[in-house]
Amino acid sequence: DEIKAIARRAKDPESGTVRLGIFPTLGPYLLPHIVPNIVARFPKLELILVEEKTEVLLKKLHEGELDAAILALPVHDDTLHAEFLFEETFVLAVNRQHKMAGNKRVKLNDLAEERLLLLDDGHCLREQALEVCQMAGAGERTGFRATSLETLRHMVSANVGMTLMPALSVHAPAPSSPNVSLVPFAEPAPHRRIAMIWRRTSALTAFLHQLVPLVKKIPVGLLKAPK
């Protein structure tokens, strides 16, 4: 399959198939911004998108089932190449009745002794949120783990607790919850670093480098907390 792909691209470098992986807490919010750019630039390209948890995406990359994946850094694997894309800040989501709901900014140490709602095991956002909790002296709200950001959003709306939301997920056209207040963090705000990852031996390396600028074309404001 790799040899056939090389032969097709030798005739027409911008045609063929690219299988791109992305994780669930980024995919629904990033893809609407980047897919139209990719389709417009490469109209003959067949773009196959696969949404899975990070561990599954890495396995598929190694087994050749994916050509590239958009993942959160760090990725500790010398056989993979990482091309940095952007940083996305986190915002604090609290119920409108919470004492922090009216704050213009919140500091990490304001979360000390708080208990946050988190995603289930296997989601990279869970590990990122736990890292923020560790820095802030906060903990996890026991007895509940969500499988999606939207479930977390609904639980905050129901006044079950607070959580961290990535900036892209809280900008329109993302779903809104009238009972949820989004509070930005004071600088330096906690964030996650996103990169495109592929095998160093990939036959598509040159073409994937052409995709990177298209994925980077995100309005900077969408990567920060809403004003």
Protein backbone atom coordinates (compact mmCIF):
# COMPACT_ATOMS: atom_id res chain seq x y z
CA ASP A 1 0.00 0.00 0.00
CA GLU A 2 2.86 2.39 0.81
CA ILE A 3 4.53 1.65 -2.56
CA LYS A 4 1.23 2.24 -4.39
CA ALA A 5 0.76 5.51 -2.53
CA ILE A 6 4.25 6.65 -3.54
CA ALA A 7 3.53 5.79 -7.18
CA ARG A 8 0.23 7.71 -7.17
CA ARG A 9 1.82 10.75 -5.61
CA ALA A 10 4.67 10.66 -8.12
CA LYS A 11 2.03 11.27 -10.80
CA ASP A 12 -0.05 13.74 -8.80
CA PRO A 13 1.38 14.78 -5.39
CA GLU A 14 -1.90 16.36 -4.28
CA SER A 15 -4.19 13.37 -4.89
CA GLY A 16 -4.64 10.13 -3.00
CA THR A 17 -5.75 9.37 0.54
CA VAL A 18 -4.55 10.72 3.88
CA ARG A 19 -5.80 9.05 7.07
CA LEU A 20 -5.66 11.58 9.88
CA GLY A 21 -6.34 10.80 13.54
CA ILE A 22 -7.52 13.23 16.20
CA PHE A 23 -8.58 12.84 19.83
CA PRO A 24 -12.19 13.43 21.02
CA THR A 25 -11.67 16.54 23.16
CA LEU A 26 -10.20 18.39 20.17
CA GLY A 27 -11.76 16.88 17.03
CA PRO A 28 -15.30 18.32 17.11
CA TYR A 29 -14.00 21.82 17.86
CA LEU A 30 -10.94 21.97 15.59
CA LEU A 31 -12.05 20.11 12.47
CA PRO A 32 -14.73 22.60 11.35
CA HIS A 33 -12.00 25.25 11.19
CA ILE A 34 -9.38 23.26 9.29
CA VAL A 35 -11.17 20.77 7.01
CA PRO A 36 -12.59 23.44 4.64
CA ASN A 37 -9.07 24.87 4.20
CA ILE A 38 -7.64 21.44 3.41
CA VAL A 39 -10.42 20.59 0.95
CA ALA A 40 -10.06 23.95 -0.80
CA ARG A 41 -6.28 23.60 -1.11
CA PHE A 42 -6.29 19.92 -2.11
CA PRO A 43 -9.63 19.25 -3.89
CA LYS A 44 -8.55 15.84 -5.16
CA LEU A 45 -7.39 14.63 -1.74
CA GLU A 46 -9.44 11.98 0.05
CA LEU A 47 -9.18 12.92 3.74
CA ILE A 48 -10.23 10.14 6.11
CA LEU A 49 -10.68 11.28 9.71
CA VAL A 50 -10.41 8.91 12.67
CA GLU A 51 -11.41 10.04 16.16
CA GLU A 52 -9.99 7.92 18.99
CA LYS A 53 -8.22 8.27 22.32
CA THR A 54 -4.51 9.08 22.15
CA GLU A 55 -3.33 5.56 23.02
CA VAL A 56 -5.38 4.08 20.17
CA LEU A 57 -4.18 6.70 17.69
CA LEU A 58 -0.54 6.01 18.54
CA LYS A 59 -1.11 2.28 18.04
CA LYS A 60 -2.75 2.90 14.66
CA LEU A 61 0.14 5.18 13.65
CA HIS A 62 2.69 2.50 14.43
CA GLU A 63 0.68 -0.16 12.60
CA GLY A 64 0.30 2.00 9.51
CA GLU A 65 -3.47 2.40 9.84
CA LEU A 66 -3.02 6.17 10.12
CA ASP A 67 -0.74 8.47 8.15
CA ALA A 68 -0.69 11.18 10.82
CA ALA A 69 -2.45 12.24 14.00
CA ILE A 70 -3.14 15.52 15.76
CA LEU A 71 -2.16 14.93 19.40
CA ALA A 72 -1.28 16.77 22.58
CA LEU A 73 2.40 16.99 23.48
CA PRO A 74 4.55 15.52 24.83
CA VAL A 75 4.73 12.32 22.80
CA HIS A 76 7.75 10.31 23.90
CA ASP A 77 8.61 8.19 20.87
CA ASP A 78 11.79 8.55 18.83
CA THR A 79 10.22 6.80 15.82
CA LEU A 80 7.67 9.61 15.42
CA HIS A 81 8.10 13.14 14.11
CA ALA A 82 6.19 15.95 15.85
CA GLU A 83 5.38 19.24 14.11
CA PHE A 84 4.13 21.83 16.63
CA LEU A 85 0.81 23.46 15.69
CA PHE A 86 -0.47 25.71 18.50
CA GLU A 87 -1.09 26.19 22.21
CA GLU A 88 -4.65 26.11 23.53
CA THR A 89 -5.44 27.60 26.93
CA PHE A 90 -7.85 26.15 29.49
CA VAL A 91 -10.72 28.04 31.10
CA LEU A 92 -12.49 27.24 34.35
CA ALA A 93 -16.14 26.26 33.95
CA VAL A 94 -18.27 26.80 37.06
CA ASN A 95 -21.99 27.01 37.74
CA ARG A 96 -23.40 30.57 37.77
CA GLN A 97 -24.20 30.13 41.45
CA HIS A 98 -20.57 29.40 42.35
CA LYS A 99 -18.59 32.04 44.23
CA MET A 100 -16.00 32.22 41.41
CA ALA A 101 -18.61 32.81 38.68
CA GLY A 102 -18.25 36.59 38.89
CA ASN A 103 -14.45 36.64 38.84
CA LYS A 104 -12.74 38.36 35.91
CA ARG A 105 -9.73 36.06 36.39
CA VAL A 106 -8.89 33.09 38.52
CA LYS A 107 -5.44 32.05 39.74
CA LEU A 108 -4.30 28.48 39.99
CA ASN A 109 -4.00 28.72 43.76
CA ASP A 110 -7.69 29.73 43.91
CA LEU A 111 -8.40 26.08 43.10
CA ALA A 112 -6.59 24.80 46.18
CA GLU A 113 -8.80 22.35 48.08
CA GLU A 114 -11.36 22.36 45.24
CA ARG A 115 -12.53 19.11 43.59
CA LEU A 116 -12.82 19.10 39.80
CA LEU A 117 -14.96 16.96 37.51
CA LEU A 118 -12.70 15.03 35.13
CA LEU A 119 -12.91 12.73 32.14
CA ASP A 120 -12.53 8.97 32.35
CA ASP A 121 -9.22 7.10 32.06
CA GLY A 122 -7.60 7.12 28.62
CA HIS A 123 -8.48 10.70 27.72
CA CYS A 124 -5.38 12.86 27.44
CA LEU A 125 -7.38 15.81 28.79
CA ARG A 126 -7.76 13.90 32.04
CA GLU A 127 -3.98 13.72 32.43
CA GLN A 128 -3.64 17.41 31.55
CA ALA A 129 -6.33 18.38 34.06
CA LEU A 130 -4.73 16.24 36.76
CA GLU A 131 -1.43 18.04 36.12
CA VAL A 132 -3.20 21.39 36.60
CA CYS A 133 -4.86 20.06 39.76
CA GLN A 134 -1.48 19.00 41.10
CA MET A 135 -0.01 22.46 40.47
CA ALA A 136 -3.03 24.13 42.08
CA GLY A 137 -3.37 21.82 45.07
CA ALA A 138 -6.80 20.70 43.86
CA GLY A 139 -8.20 17.20 43.55
CA GLU A 140 -10.69 15.12 41.58
CA ARG A 141 -14.38 14.98 42.38
CA THR A 142 -14.91 11.30 43.23
CA GLY A 143 -17.90 9.22 42.20
CA PHE A 144 -18.16 10.64 38.69
CA ARG A 145 -16.13 10.48 35.50
CA ALA A 146 -17.35 11.73 32.13
CA THR A 147 -16.70 10.28 28.69
CA SER A 148 -17.04 13.60 26.84
CA LEU A 149 -16.60 17.33 27.29
CA GLU A 150 -20.31 17.83 26.69
CA THR A 151 -21.15 15.60 29.66
CA LEU A 152 -18.78 17.64 31.80
CA ARG A 153 -20.47 20.82 30.58
CA HIS A 154 -23.91 19.48 31.52
CA MET A 155 -22.73 18.39 34.97
CA VAL A 156 -21.36 21.88 35.65
CA SER A 157 -24.68 23.31 34.45
CA ALA A 158 -26.45 20.99 36.93
CA ASN A 159 -24.23 22.40 39.71
CA VAL A 160 -22.49 19.10 40.36
CA GLY A 161 -19.02 20.67 40.27
CA MET A 162 -16.45 22.61 38.25
CA THR A 163 -14.11 21.55 35.47
CA LEU A 164 -11.48 22.69 32.98
CA MET A 165 -12.50 23.30 29.38
CA PRO A 166 -10.15 23.80 26.41
CA ALA A 167 -10.64 27.19 24.75
CA LEU A 168 -11.72 25.82 21.36
CA SER A 169 -14.57 23.90 22.99
CA VAL A 170 -16.20 27.01 24.49
CA HIS A 171 -16.23 29.26 21.43
CA ALA A 172 -19.20 29.37 19.05
CA PRO A 173 -20.48 27.25 17.40
CA ALA A 174 -19.81 25.05 20.43
CA PRO A 175 -22.93 24.22 22.50
CA SER A 176 -23.75 26.78 25.17
CA SER A 177 -25.10 26.18 28.66
CA PRO A 178 -26.91 29.13 30.27
CA ASN A 179 -26.02 28.00 33.79
CA VAL A 180 -22.28 27.78 33.11
CA SER A 181 -19.82 30.64 33.67
CA LEU A 182 -16.44 30.53 31.97
CA VAL A 183 -13.68 32.16 34.00
CA PRO A 184 -10.27 32.84 32.35
CA PHE A 185 -7.07 32.04 34.21
CA ALA A 186 -4.57 34.74 35.07
CA GLU A 187 -1.34 34.54 33.11
CA PRO A 188 0.47 32.27 32.76
CA ALA A 189 -2.73 30.34 32.04
CA PRO A 190 -2.63 26.53 31.98
CA HIS A 191 -2.65 25.25 28.42
CA ARG A 192 -2.01 22.25 26.20
CA ARG A 193 0.37 22.09 23.24
CA ILE A 194 -0.94 20.47 20.06
CA ALA A 195 1.15 18.91 17.29
CA MET A 196 0.80 16.84 14.15
CA ILE A 197 2.58 13.51 14.53
CA TRP A 198 3.68 11.00 11.89
CA ARG A 199 6.18 8.20 11.41
CA ARG A 200 9.68 9.37 10.55
CA THR A 201 9.76 6.71 7.81
CA SER A 202 6.45 7.81 6.24
CA ALA A 203 6.32 8.10 2.47
CA LEU A 204 3.97 11.06 2.95
CA THR A 205 6.39 13.23 4.93
CA ALA A 206 6.74 15.90 2.23
CA PHE A 207 2.99 16.13 1.74
CA LEU A 208 2.25 16.19 5.48
CA HIS A 209 4.54 19.19 5.81
CA GLN A 210 2.19 20.94 3.36
CA LEU A 211 -0.80 20.15 5.58
CA VAL A 212 0.75 21.67 8.71
CA PRO A 213 0.26 25.36 7.72
CA LEU A 214 -3.41 24.65 6.90
CA VAL A 215 -4.00 23.19 10.36
CA LYS A 216 -2.22 26.16 11.92
CA LYS A 217 -4.62 28.62 10.29
CA ILE A 218 -6.81 28.98 13.37
CA PRO A 219 -7.81 32.46 14.54
CA VAL A 220 -5.65 33.14 17.59
CA GLY A 221 -8.68 34.34 19.54
CA LEU A 222 -10.21 30.86 19.41
CA LEU A 223 -7.24 29.46 21.33
CA LYS A 224 -7.78 31.85 24.24
CA ALA A 225 -10.59 32.24 26.75
CA PRO A 226 -13.65 34.12 25.39
CA LYS A 227 -13.74 37.79 26.35
